[in-house]
Amino acid sequence: MVSTPRVSVVVPAYNVSAYLEAALSSVECQSFSKYEVLIVDDGSTDQTAAVALTFCRRDSRFQLLQKPNGGLSSARNYGIRYARGEYIALLDGDDTYHPDKLAVHIAKLENSPKVGVTYSASRAIRDDGQQTFMVLSGKPVVKNVLLALLYKNFIGHGSNAVFRRCLINEVGDFDETLRSSEDIDFWLRIAATKRWEFDREPRILCYYRVRPSGLSFNVAQMQRSQEQVIQSAYERSPELVEPMLPTAYAYMYRYLARIALTAGDLTQAEDFIDQAWESDRSIFWRDMRSLLTLVSVRLSPLTKRILQQALGSVD
């Protein structure tokens, strides 16, 4: 076990035995070595724990923690409670890091005391690990961090950020009542303090896996969670957030449209796009990604085929 790890990599893992080796190997290959890895087996019923143990037995920096199933936020919080590092890195059990991921972000945090959260551009990978054309740049759509996060999660996904552990003490841990959008809620609470900067590394340093088996999203549940997150942000900063609510809801509906489209529910995708248009249609000419979503939904049969080919899910 590393005596003084600088960063604790928290890996929530639930039934990801087919992917966990790749995730943990990507940490093992990091150019930055002063880390510990806390693998949180969240009540898996497959061989997730067995895969984790192979790393723990050969490298003392890896530790397996096991708990009853409680969901993603519960697993992250559990791992963070055991963390000894000054910094926390998140890595879902089916995603992977670029070899320089930790080195780049730790250097930024060490050299920039005002930066609380650092993240990078990222690329989607298929179920088989092959890279796709889909890239998240991480660029905020507006300069105000709180509003930018309210509009869309520019960090992108749960495996991308490295942050100061002290932020947990300031804003609390991940909200375990949320079944989705728990990460954006956490970033919004940090932004609301107005104490910390968010830093973007433009290089692609993270790879998030899009699994065909995971495309049947519970979109209604995601909508409820996102509405709860927006409402909480409004209650924290009502004067700032209230004028922006139509735009925030427009971006929410646009995001849900993209999820529904990816899951193959074209009717639902069209309904969400219509609601986004009614909330604030200006997002479609102010934000290229929103325009692309609009076009993709309107051309949904062709878009569905392209997504299937990219994700390797064509019959």
C-alpha atoms as a PDB file:
ATOM      1  CA  MET A   1       0.000   0.000   0.000  1.00  0.00           C
ATOM      2  CA  VAL A   2       1.309   3.456  -0.923  1.00  0.00           C
ATOM      3  CA  SER A   3       2.267   5.244   2.296  1.00  0.00           C
ATOM      4  CA  THR A   4       1.229   8.716   1.161  1.00  0.00           C
ATOM      5  CA  PRO A   5      -0.904   8.616  -2.008  1.00  0.00           C
ATOM      6  CA  ARG A   6      -1.456  12.011  -3.595  1.00  0.00           C
ATOM      7  CA  VAL A   7      -4.642  10.893  -5.291  1.00  0.00           C
ATOM      8  CA  SER A   8      -7.273   8.298  -4.521  1.00  0.00           C
ATOM      9  CA  VAL A   9      -8.897   6.748  -7.604  1.00  0.00           C
ATOM     10  CA  VAL A  10     -12.417   5.659  -6.653  1.00  0.00           C
ATOM     11  CA  VAL A  11     -13.804   2.939  -8.933  1.00  0.00           C
ATOM     12  CA  PRO A  12     -17.490   2.089  -8.356  1.00  0.00           C
ATOM     13  CA  ALA A  13     -18.099  -1.340  -9.879  1.00  0.00           C
ATOM     14  CA  TYR A  14     -21.379  -3.195 -10.289  1.00  0.00           C
ATOM     15  CA  ASN A  15     -21.427  -6.291 -12.517  1.00  0.00           C
ATOM     16  CA  VAL A  16     -18.635  -5.017 -14.770  1.00  0.00           C
ATOM     17  CA  SER A  17     -16.377  -8.077 -14.737  1.00  0.00           C
ATOM     18  CA  ALA A  18     -16.112  -7.959 -18.543  1.00  0.00           C
ATOM     19  CA  TYR A  19     -14.697  -4.406 -18.457  1.00  0.00           C
ATOM     20  CA  LEU A  20     -13.009  -3.956 -15.095  1.00  0.00           C
ATOM     21  CA  GLU A  21      -9.640  -5.362 -16.130  1.00  0.00           C
ATOM     22  CA  ALA A  22      -9.318  -2.706 -18.855  1.00  0.00           C
ATOM     23  CA  ALA A  23     -10.329   0.042 -16.423  1.00  0.00           C
ATOM     24  CA  LEU A  24      -7.850  -1.004 -13.733  1.00  0.00           C
ATOM     25  CA  SER A  25      -5.075  -1.668 -16.250  1.00  0.00           C
ATOM     26  CA  SER A  26      -5.453   1.911 -17.483  1.00  0.00           C
ATOM     27  CA  VAL A  27      -4.712   3.102 -13.936  1.00  0.00           C
ATOM     28  CA  GLU A  28      -1.845   0.645 -13.534  1.00  0.00           C
ATOM     29  CA  CYS A  29      -0.245   2.187 -16.650  1.00  0.00           C
ATOM     30  CA  GLN A  30      -0.399   5.785 -15.395  1.00  0.00           C
ATOM     31  CA  SER A  31       2.740   7.894 -15.721  1.00  0.00           C
ATOM     32  CA  PHE A  32       1.890   9.301 -12.269  1.00  0.00           C
ATOM     33  CA  SER A  33       2.469   6.608  -9.654  1.00  0.00           C
ATOM     34  CA  LYS A  34       1.588   8.096  -6.269  1.00  0.00           C
ATOM     35  CA  TYR A  35      -1.988   6.871  -6.209  1.00  0.00           C
ATOM     36  CA  GLU A  36      -4.236   4.388  -4.486  1.00  0.00           C
ATOM     37  CA  VAL A  37      -7.153   2.643  -6.169  1.00  0.00           C
ATOM     38  CA  LEU A  38     -10.298   1.950  -4.174  1.00  0.00           C
ATOM     39  CA  ILE A  39     -12.478  -0.514  -6.075  1.00  0.00           C
ATOM     40  CA  VAL A  40     -15.974  -0.467  -4.595  1.00  0.00           C
ATOM     41  CA  ASP A  41     -17.838  -3.668  -5.428  1.00  0.00           C
ATOM     42  CA  ASP A  42     -21.433  -2.472  -5.080  1.00  0.00           C
ATOM     43  CA  GLY A  43     -23.051  -5.869  -4.483  1.00  0.00           C
ATOM     44  CA  SER A  44     -22.056  -7.434  -7.805  1.00  0.00           C
ATOM     45  CA  THR A  45     -23.363 -10.902  -8.685  1.00  0.00           C
ATOM     46  CA  ASP A  46     -20.750 -11.634 -11.368  1.00  0.00           C
ATOM     47  CA  GLN A  47     -16.945 -11.954 -11.174  1.00  0.00           C
ATOM     48  CA  THR A  48     -16.284  -8.259 -10.532  1.00  0.00           C
ATOM     49  CA  ALA A  49     -14.672  -8.952  -7.124  1.00  0.00           C
ATOM     50  CA  ALA A  50     -12.494 -11.721  -8.540  1.00  0.00           C
ATOM     51  CA  VAL A  51     -11.144  -9.427 -11.265  1.00  0.00           C
ATOM     52  CA  ALA A  52     -10.428  -6.723  -8.703  1.00  0.00           C
ATOM     53  CA  LEU A  53      -8.591  -9.168  -6.439  1.00  0.00           C
ATOM     54  CA  THR A  54      -6.100 -10.065  -9.181  1.00  0.00           C
ATOM     55  CA  PHE A  55      -4.916  -6.441  -9.132  1.00  0.00           C
ATOM     56  CA  CYS A  56      -4.972  -6.197  -5.332  1.00  0.00           C
ATOM     57  CA  ARG A  57      -2.757  -9.297  -4.984  1.00  0.00           C
ATOM     58  CA  ARG A  58      -0.066  -8.024  -7.325  1.00  0.00           C
ATOM     59  CA  ASP A  59      -0.137  -4.301  -6.471  1.00  0.00           C
ATOM     60  CA  SER A  60      -0.589  -2.992  -2.940  1.00  0.00           C
ATOM     61  CA  ARG A  61      -1.915   0.308  -4.272  1.00  0.00           C
ATOM     62  CA  PHE A  62      -5.158  -1.470  -5.222  1.00  0.00           C
ATOM     63  CA  GLN A  63      -7.765  -2.195  -2.550  1.00  0.00           C
ATOM     64  CA  LEU A  64     -11.124  -3.955  -2.842  1.00  0.00           C
ATOM     65  CA  LEU A  65     -14.047  -2.644  -0.809  1.00  0.00           C
ATOM     66  CA  GLN A  66     -17.348  -4.514  -0.809  1.00  0.00           C
ATOM     67  CA  LYS A  67     -20.820  -3.348   0.179  1.00  0.00           C
ATOM     68  CA  PRO A  68     -24.482  -4.183  -0.506  1.00  0.00           C
ATOM     69  CA  ASN A  69     -25.863  -2.678  -3.693  1.00  0.00           C
ATOM     70  CA  GLY A  70     -26.794   0.961  -3.183  1.00  0.00           C
ATOM     71  CA  GLY A  71     -26.247   2.623  -6.541  1.00  0.00           C
ATOM     72  CA  LEU A  72     -23.538   4.741  -8.109  1.00  0.00           C
ATOM     73  CA  SER A  73     -23.589   7.641  -5.631  1.00  0.00           C
ATOM     74  CA  SER A  74     -23.541   5.243  -2.695  1.00  0.00           C
ATOM     75  CA  ALA A  75     -20.507   3.421  -4.102  1.00  0.00           C
ATOM     76  CA  ARG A  76     -18.627   6.657  -4.792  1.00  0.00           C
ATOM     77  CA  ASN A  77     -19.337   7.992  -1.313  1.00  0.00           C
ATOM     78  CA  TYR A  78     -18.250   4.711   0.250  1.00  0.00           C
ATOM     79  CA  GLY A  79     -14.937   4.796  -1.576  1.00  0.00           C
ATOM     80  CA  ILE A  80     -14.311   8.455  -0.761  1.00  0.00           C
ATOM     81  CA  ARG A  81     -14.754   7.722   2.958  1.00  0.00           C
ATOM     82  CA  TYR A  82     -11.793   5.348   2.759  1.00  0.00           C
ATOM     83  CA  ALA A  83      -9.691   7.659   0.576  1.00  0.00           C
ATOM     84  CA  ARG A  84      -6.349   8.877   1.915  1.00  0.00           C
ATOM     85  CA  GLY A  85      -5.312  11.083  -0.984  1.00  0.00           C
ATOM     86  CA  GLU A  86      -5.533  14.861  -1.080  1.00  0.00           C
ATOM     87  CA  TYR A  87      -7.224  14.529  -4.462  1.00  0.00           C
ATOM     88  CA  ILE A  88     -10.059  12.301  -5.662  1.00  0.00           C
ATOM     89  CA  ALA A  89     -10.220  10.845  -9.167  1.00  0.00           C
ATOM     90  CA  LEU A  90     -13.368   9.107 -10.362  1.00  0.00           C
ATOM     91  CA  LEU A  91     -13.329   6.156 -12.763  1.00  0.00           C
ATOM     92  CA  ASP A  92     -16.387   4.042 -13.514  1.00  0.00           C
ATOM     93  CA  GLY A  93     -15.648   0.340 -13.772  1.00  0.00           C
ATOM     94  CA  ASP A  94     -16.266   0.185 -17.527  1.00  0.00           C
ATOM     95  CA  ASP A  95     -14.294   3.288 -18.602  1.00  0.00           C
ATOM     96  CA  THR A  96     -10.561   3.860 -19.086  1.00  0.00           C
ATOM     97  CA  TYR A  97      -7.872   6.533 -18.664  1.00  0.00           C
ATOM     98  CA  HIS A  98      -5.165   7.789 -21.007  1.00  0.00           C
ATOM     99  CA  PRO A  99      -1.723   7.025 -19.450  1.00  0.00           C
ATOM    100  CA  ASP A 100      -1.168  10.734 -18.649  1.00  0.00           C
ATOM    101  CA  LYS A 101      -4.626  11.363 -17.174  1.00  0.00           C
ATOM    102  CA  LEU A 102      -3.573  11.612 -13.528  1.00  0.00           C
ATOM    103  CA  ALA A 103      -0.243  13.330 -14.201  1.00  0.00           C
ATOM    104  CA  VAL A 104      -1.849  16.188 -16.141  1.00  0.00           C
ATOM    105  CA  HIS A 105      -4.628  16.815 -13.641  1.00  0.00           C
ATOM    106  CA  ILE A 106      -2.502  16.491 -10.512  1.00  0.00           C
ATOM    107  CA  ALA A 107       0.015  18.975 -11.957  1.00  0.00           C
ATOM    108  CA  LYS A 108      -2.804  21.454 -12.567  1.00  0.00           C
ATOM    109  CA  LEU A 109      -4.136  21.085  -9.010  1.00  0.00           C
ATOM    110  CA  GLU A 110      -0.658  21.348  -7.501  1.00  0.00           C
ATOM    111  CA  ASN A 111       0.206  24.486  -9.465  1.00  0.00           C
ATOM    112  CA  SER A 112      -3.172  26.256  -9.428  1.00  0.00           C
ATOM    113  CA  PRO A 113      -4.554  26.656  -5.903  1.00  0.00           C
ATOM    114  CA  LYS A 114      -7.784  28.253  -7.144  1.00  0.00           C
ATOM    115  CA  VAL A 115      -8.665  25.226  -9.282  1.00  0.00           C
ATOM    116  CA  GLY A 116     -10.965  22.850  -7.433  1.00  0.00           C
ATOM    117  CA  VAL A 117     -11.994  20.546 -10.292  1.00  0.00           C
ATOM    118  CA  THR A 118     -10.024  19.584 -13.368  1.00  0.00           C
ATOM    119  CA  TYR A 119     -11.149  17.445 -16.298  1.00  0.00           C
ATOM    120  CA  SER A 120     -10.361  16.758 -19.940  1.00  0.00           C
ATOM    121  CA  ALA A 121     -11.864  16.138 -23.330  1.00  0.00           C
ATOM    122  CA  SER A 122     -12.968  12.539 -23.745  1.00  0.00           C
ATOM    123  CA  ARG A 123     -13.912  10.037 -26.433  1.00  0.00           C
ATOM    124  CA  ALA A 124     -16.618   7.387 -26.535  1.00  0.00           C
ATOM    125  CA  ILE A 125     -15.567   3.769 -27.002  1.00  0.00           C
ATOM    126  CA  ARG A 126     -17.670   0.829 -28.095  1.00  0.00           C
ATOM    127  CA  ASP A 127     -18.574  -2.211 -26.049  1.00  0.00           C
ATOM    128  CA  ASP A 128     -15.502  -3.970 -27.477  1.00  0.00           C
ATOM    129  CA  GLY A 129     -13.198  -1.060 -26.565  1.00  0.00           C
ATOM    130  CA  GLN A 130     -12.828   0.287 -30.089  1.00  0.00           C
ATOM    131  CA  GLN A 131     -12.771   4.074 -30.284  1.00  0.00           C
ATOM    132  CA  THR A 132     -15.650   5.924 -31.949  1.00  0.00           C
ATOM    133  CA  PHE A 133     -15.869   9.312 -33.665  1.00  0.00           C
ATOM    134  CA  MET A 134     -17.856  10.749 -30.729  1.00  0.00           C
ATOM    135  CA  VAL A 135     -15.806  13.271 -28.732  1.00  0.00           C
ATOM    136  CA  LEU A 136     -16.804  15.486 -25.811  1.00  0.00           C
ATOM    137  CA  SER A 137     -14.677  18.638 -25.854  1.00  0.00           C
ATOM    138  CA  GLY A 138     -15.701  19.789 -22.376  1.00  0.00           C
ATOM    139  CA  LYS A 139     -16.111  23.407 -23.479  1.00  0.00           C
ATOM    140  CA  PRO A 140     -18.715  25.291 -21.388  1.00  0.00           C
ATOM    141  CA  VAL A 141     -21.410  26.990 -23.464  1.00  0.00           C
ATOM    142  CA  VAL A 142     -21.168  30.222 -21.419  1.00  0.00           C
ATOM    143  CA  LYS A 143     -18.454  31.775 -19.233  1.00  0.00           C
ATOM    144  CA  ASN A 144     -20.382  31.692 -15.957  1.00  0.00           C
ATOM    145  CA  VAL A 145     -19.559  28.235 -14.569  1.00  0.00           C
ATOM    146  CA  LEU A 146     -22.765  27.838 -12.592  1.00  0.00           C
ATOM    147  CA  LEU A 147     -24.950  28.693 -15.568  1.00  0.00           C
ATOM    148  CA  ALA A 148     -22.817  26.598 -17.925  1.00  0.00           C
ATOM    149  CA  LEU A 149     -23.282  23.559 -15.678  1.00  0.00           C
ATOM    150  CA  LEU A 150     -26.967  24.285 -15.333  1.00  0.00           C
ATOM    151  CA  TYR A 151     -27.282  24.222 -19.115  1.00  0.00           C
ATOM    152  CA  LYS A 152     -25.296  21.033 -19.619  1.00  0.00           C
ATOM    153  CA  ASN A 153     -22.733  18.908 -17.845  1.00  0.00           C
ATOM    154  CA  PHE A 154     -19.612  20.047 -19.670  1.00  0.00           C
ATOM    155  CA  ILE A 155     -17.488  17.586 -17.655  1.00  0.00           C
ATOM    156  CA  GLY A 156     -19.376  15.009 -19.650  1.00  0.00           C
ATOM    157  CA  HIS A 157     -19.475  11.829 -17.590  1.00  0.00           C
ATOM    158  CA  GLY A 158     -18.567  10.331 -14.242  1.00  0.00           C
ATOM    159  CA  SER A 159     -15.053   9.143 -15.080  1.00  0.00           C
ATOM    160  CA  ASN A 160     -13.559  12.455 -16.121  1.00  0.00           C
ATOM    161  CA  ALA A 161     -12.973  14.695 -13.112  1.00  0.00           C
ATOM    162  CA  VAL A 162     -10.186  14.929 -10.559  1.00  0.00           C
ATOM    163  CA  PHE A 163     -10.963  17.227  -7.620  1.00  0.00           C
ATOM    164  CA  ARG A 164      -9.750  18.308  -4.216  1.00  0.00           C
ATOM    165  CA  ARG A 165     -11.003  16.066  -1.445  1.00  0.00           C
ATOM    166  CA  CYS A 166     -11.680  19.116   0.747  1.00  0.00           C
ATOM    167  CA  LEU A 167     -14.635  19.935  -1.518  1.00  0.00           C
ATOM    168  CA  ILE A 168     -16.537  17.057   0.075  1.00  0.00           C
ATOM    169  CA  ASN A 169     -16.286  18.857   3.414  1.00  0.00           C
ATOM    170  CA  GLU A 170     -17.498  22.099   1.844  1.00  0.00           C
ATOM    171  CA  VAL A 171     -20.494  20.937  -0.199  1.00  0.00           C
ATOM    172  CA  GLY A 172     -21.256  17.406   1.004  1.00  0.00           C
ATOM    173  CA  ASP A 173     -20.977  14.107  -0.827  1.00  0.00           C
ATOM    174  CA  PHE A 174     -22.876  12.720  -3.827  1.00  0.00           C
ATOM    175  CA  ASP A 175     -26.648  12.778  -3.354  1.00  0.00           C
ATOM    176  CA  GLU A 176     -27.741   9.156  -2.953  1.00  0.00           C
ATOM    177  CA  THR A 177     -31.408  10.042  -3.505  1.00  0.00           C
ATOM    178  CA  LEU A 178     -30.655  10.836  -7.157  1.00  0.00           C
ATOM    179  CA  ARG A 179     -30.737   7.841  -9.500  1.00  0.00           C
ATOM    180  CA  SER A 180     -29.018   9.863 -12.233  1.00  0.00           C
ATOM    181  CA  SER A 181     -27.510  13.353 -12.671  1.00  0.00           C
ATOM    182  CA  GLU A 182     -25.777  12.939  -9.286  1.00  0.00           C
ATOM    183  CA  ASP A 183     -22.488  14.171 -10.720  1.00  0.00           C
ATOM    184  CA  ILE A 184     -23.917  17.385 -12.209  1.00  0.00           C
ATOM    185  CA  ASP A 185     -25.621  18.075  -8.867  1.00  0.00           C
ATOM    186  CA  PHE A 186     -22.238  17.761  -7.150  1.00  0.00           C
ATOM    187  CA  TRP A 187     -20.498  20.091  -9.621  1.00  0.00           C
ATOM    188  CA  LEU A 188     -23.322  22.637  -9.299  1.00  0.00           C
ATOM    189  CA  ARG A 189     -22.908  22.725  -5.528  1.00  0.00           C
ATOM    190  CA  ILE A 190     -19.190  23.393  -5.949  1.00  0.00           C
ATOM    191  CA  ALA A 191     -19.853  26.136  -8.506  1.00  0.00           C
ATOM    192  CA  ALA A 192     -22.386  27.758  -6.159  1.00  0.00           C
ATOM    193  CA  THR A 193     -19.650  28.376  -3.557  1.00  0.00           C
ATOM    194  CA  LYS A 194     -17.948  30.768  -6.062  1.00  0.00           C
ATOM    195  CA  ARG A 195     -14.643  29.764  -4.449  1.00  0.00           C
ATOM    196  CA  TRP A 196     -13.307  27.279  -6.955  1.00  0.00           C
ATOM    197  CA  GLU A 197     -12.407  27.270 -10.628  1.00  0.00           C
ATOM    198  CA  PHE A 198     -13.071  24.424 -13.081  1.00  0.00           C
ATOM    199  CA  ASP A 199     -10.141  23.704 -15.396  1.00  0.00           C
ATOM    200  CA  ARG A 200     -10.433  21.997 -18.793  1.00  0.00           C
ATOM    201  CA  GLU A 201      -7.583  20.069 -20.413  1.00  0.00           C
ATOM    202  CA  PRO A 202      -8.292  20.079 -24.172  1.00  0.00           C
ATOM    203  CA  ARG A 203      -6.492  16.786 -24.816  1.00  0.00           C
ATOM    204  CA  ILE A 204      -8.508  13.565 -24.815  1.00  0.00           C
ATOM    205  CA  LEU A 205      -7.438  11.849 -21.599  1.00  0.00           C
ATOM    206  CA  CYS A 206     -10.489   9.730 -20.849  1.00  0.00           C
ATOM    207  CA  TYR A 207     -12.548   7.106 -22.681  1.00  0.00           C
ATOM    208  CA  TYR A 208     -16.137   6.393 -21.705  1.00  0.00           C
ATOM    209  CA  ARG A 209     -17.803   3.201 -22.808  1.00  0.00           C
ATOM    210  CA  VAL A 210     -21.212   3.209 -24.470  1.00  0.00           C
ATOM    211  CA  ARG A 211     -22.685  -0.266 -24.172  1.00  0.00           C
ATOM    212  CA  PRO A 212     -25.554  -1.444 -26.427  1.00  0.00           C
ATOM    213  CA  SER A 213     -26.974  -3.311 -23.439  1.00  0.00           C
ATOM    214  CA  GLY A 214     -27.137  -0.021 -21.567  1.00  0.00           C
ATOM    215  CA  LEU A 215     -29.058   1.950 -24.158  1.00  0.00           C
ATOM    216  CA  SER A 216     -32.528   1.180 -22.786  1.00  0.00           C
ATOM    217  CA  PHE A 217     -32.367   4.127 -20.428  1.00  0.00           C
ATOM    218  CA  ASN A 218     -35.125   4.950 -18.001  1.00  0.00           C
ATOM    219  CA  VAL A 219     -35.591   8.366 -19.555  1.00  0.00           C
ATOM    220  CA  ALA A 220     -38.506   9.275 -17.274  1.00  0.00           C
ATOM    221  CA  GLN A 221     -36.290   8.656 -14.249  1.00  0.00           C
ATOM    222  CA  MET A 222     -33.521  10.739 -15.794  1.00  0.00           C
ATOM    223  CA  GLN A 223     -35.985  13.560 -16.379  1.00  0.00           C
ATOM    224  CA  ARG A 224     -37.140  13.494 -12.755  1.00  0.00           C
ATOM    225  CA  SER A 225     -33.554  13.572 -11.507  1.00  0.00           C
ATOM    226  CA  GLN A 226     -32.597  16.454 -13.793  1.00  0.00           C
ATOM    227  CA  GLU A 227     -35.657  18.442 -12.761  1.00  0.00           C
ATOM    228  CA  GLN A 228     -34.707  17.867  -9.123  1.00  0.00           C
ATOM    229  CA  VAL A 229     -31.165  19.086  -9.799  1.00  0.00           C
ATOM    230  CA  ILE A 230     -32.416  22.249 -11.527  1.00  0.00           C
ATOM    231  CA  GLN A 231     -34.832  22.948  -8.695  1.00  0.00           C
ATOM    232  CA  SER A 232     -32.063  22.541  -6.096  1.00  0.00           C
ATOM    233  CA  ALA A 233     -29.808  24.914  -8.048  1.00  0.00           C
ATOM    234  CA  TYR A 234     -32.639  27.449  -8.152  1.00  0.00           C
ATOM    235  CA  GLU A 235     -33.172  27.193  -4.389  1.00  0.00           C
ATOM    236  CA  ARG A 236     -29.462  27.823  -3.759  1.00  0.00           C
ATOM    237  CA  SER A 237     -29.185  30.822  -6.121  1.00  0.00           C
ATOM    238  CA  PRO A 238     -32.723  32.001  -6.990  1.00  0.00           C
ATOM    239  CA  GLU A 239     -31.866  35.482  -8.307  1.00  0.00           C
ATOM    240  CA  LEU A 240     -29.208  34.155 -10.667  1.00  0.00           C
ATOM    241  CA  VAL A 241     -30.972  30.994 -11.803  1.00  0.00           C
ATOM    242  CA  GLU A 242     -34.587  32.130 -12.235  1.00  0.00           C
ATOM    243  CA  PRO A 243     -34.032  34.164 -15.441  1.00  0.00           C
ATOM    244  CA  MET A 244     -32.129  31.227 -16.888  1.00  0.00           C
ATOM    245  CA  LEU A 245     -34.715  28.515 -16.150  1.00  0.00           C
ATOM    246  CA  PRO A 246     -36.252  28.418 -19.674  1.00  0.00           C
ATOM    247  CA  THR A 247     -32.787  27.927 -21.164  1.00  0.00           C
ATOM    248  CA  ALA A 248     -31.876  25.335 -18.536  1.00  0.00           C
ATOM    249  CA  TYR A 249     -35.006  23.339 -19.324  1.00  0.00           C
ATOM    250  CA  ALA A 250     -34.358  23.671 -23.066  1.00  0.00           C
ATOM    251  CA  TYR A 251     -30.926  22.124 -22.619  1.00  0.00           C
ATOM    252  CA  MET A 252     -32.438  19.414 -20.393  1.00  0.00           C
ATOM    253  CA  TYR A 253     -34.995  18.470 -23.044  1.00  0.00           C
ATOM    254  CA  ARG A 254     -32.304  18.550 -25.718  1.00  0.00           C
ATOM    255  CA  TYR A 255     -30.174  16.150 -23.646  1.00  0.00           C
ATOM    256  CA  LEU A 256     -33.136  13.826 -23.080  1.00  0.00           C
ATOM    257  CA  ALA A 257     -33.863  13.909 -26.808  1.00  0.00           C
ATOM    258  CA  ARG A 258     -30.327  12.743 -27.528  1.00  0.00           C
ATOM    259  CA  ILE A 259     -30.622   9.940 -24.958  1.00  0.00           C
ATOM    260  CA  ALA A 260     -33.965   8.822 -26.372  1.00  0.00           C
ATOM    261  CA  LEU A 261     -32.531   8.912 -29.896  1.00  0.00           C
ATOM    262  CA  THR A 262     -29.513   6.850 -28.848  1.00  0.00           C
ATOM    263  CA  ALA A 263     -31.851   4.335 -27.196  1.00  0.00           C
ATOM    264  CA  GLY A 264     -33.839   4.101 -30.440  1.00  0.00           C
ATOM    265  CA  ASP A 265     -37.056   5.756 -29.225  1.00  0.00           C
ATOM    266  CA  LEU A 266     -37.573   8.174 -32.098  1.00  0.00           C
ATOM    267  CA  THR A 267     -41.063   9.287 -31.065  1.00  0.00           C
ATOM    268  CA  GLN A 268     -39.885  10.260 -27.604  1.00  0.00           C
ATOM    269  CA  ALA A 269     -36.832  12.026 -29.052  1.00  0.00           C
ATOM    270  CA  GLU A 270     -39.071  14.157 -31.262  1.00  0.00           C
ATOM    271  CA  ASP A 271     -41.299  15.024 -28.302  1.00  0.00           C
ATOM    272  CA  PHE A 272     -38.323  16.182 -26.233  1.00  0.00           C
ATOM    273  CA  ILE A 273     -36.946  18.256 -29.119  1.00  0.00           C
ATOM    274  CA  ASP A 274     -40.332  19.956 -29.462  1.00  0.00           C
ATOM    275  CA  GLN A 275     -40.297  20.790 -25.736  1.00  0.00           C
ATOM    276  CA  ALA A 276     -36.755  22.170 -26.024  1.00  0.00           C
ATOM    277  CA  TRP A 277     -37.883  24.360 -28.932  1.00  0.00           C
ATOM    278  CA  GLU A 278     -40.785  25.707 -26.886  1.00  0.00           C
ATOM    279  CA  SER A 279     -38.607  26.393 -23.818  1.00  0.00           C
ATOM    280  CA  ASP A 280     -35.841  28.339 -25.588  1.00  0.00           C
ATOM    281  CA  ARG A 281     -35.286  27.772 -29.297  1.00  0.00           C
ATOM    282  CA  SER A 282     -32.241  30.065 -29.283  1.00  0.00           C
ATOM    283  CA  ILE A 283     -30.086  27.189 -28.027  1.00  0.00           C
ATOM    284  CA  PHE A 284     -30.255  25.657 -31.489  1.00  0.00           C
ATOM    285  CA  TRP A 285     -28.413  28.517 -33.157  1.00  0.00           C
ATOM    286  CA  ARG A 286     -26.210  29.488 -30.211  1.00  0.00           C
ATOM    287  CA  ASP A 287     -24.832  25.996 -29.540  1.00  0.00           C
ATOM    288  CA  MET A 288     -23.613  23.738 -32.346  1.00  0.00           C
ATOM    289  CA  ARG A 289     -24.185  20.537 -30.345  1.00  0.00           C
ATOM    290  CA  SER A 290     -27.821  21.514 -29.818  1.00  0.00           C
ATOM    291  CA  LEU A 291     -28.223  22.195 -33.536  1.00  0.00           C
ATOM    292  CA  LEU A 292     -26.712  18.810 -34.341  1.00  0.00           C
ATOM    293  CA  THR A 293     -29.136  17.141 -31.933  1.00  0.00           C
ATOM    294  CA  LEU A 294     -32.055  18.921 -33.597  1.00  0.00           C
ATOM    295  CA  VAL A 295     -30.922  17.847 -37.057  1.00  0.00           C
ATOM    296  CA  SER A 296     -30.226  14.304 -35.849  1.00  0.00           C
ATOM    297  CA  VAL A 297     -33.727  13.924 -34.433  1.00  0.00           C
ATOM    298  CA  ARG A 298     -35.351  15.357 -37.560  1.00  0.00           C
ATOM    299  CA  LEU A 299     -33.284  12.900 -39.625  1.00  0.00           C
ATOM    300  CA  SER A 300     -33.747  10.185 -37.020  1.00  0.00           C
ATOM    301  CA  PRO A 301     -33.838   7.039 -39.217  1.00  0.00           C
ATOM    302  CA  LEU A 302     -30.464   7.915 -40.752  1.00  0.00           C
ATOM    303  CA  THR A 303     -29.058   9.029 -37.387  1.00  0.00           C
ATOM    304  CA  LYS A 304     -30.103   5.771 -35.748  1.00  0.00           C
ATOM    305  CA  ARG A 305     -28.211   3.827 -38.405  1.00  0.00           C
ATOM    306  CA  ILE A 306     -25.059   5.940 -37.936  1.00  0.00           C
ATOM    307  CA  LEU A 307     -25.172   5.499 -34.147  1.00  0.00           C
ATOM    308  CA  GLN A 308     -25.649   1.755 -34.499  1.00  0.00           C
ATOM    309  CA  GLN A 309     -22.619   1.522 -36.781  1.00  0.00           C
ATOM    310  CA  ALA A 310     -20.487   3.673 -34.454  1.00  0.00           C
ATOM    311  CA  LEU A 311     -21.389   1.633 -31.390  1.00  0.00           C
ATOM    312  CA  GLY A 312     -21.063  -1.717 -33.106  1.00  0.00           C
ATOM    313  CA  SER A 313     -24.699  -2.657 -32.560  1.00  0.00           C
ATOM    314  CA  VAL A 314     -25.859  -3.205 -36.147  1.00  0.00           C
ATOM    315  CA  ASP A 315     -27.484  -6.607 -36.655  1.00  0.00           C
END
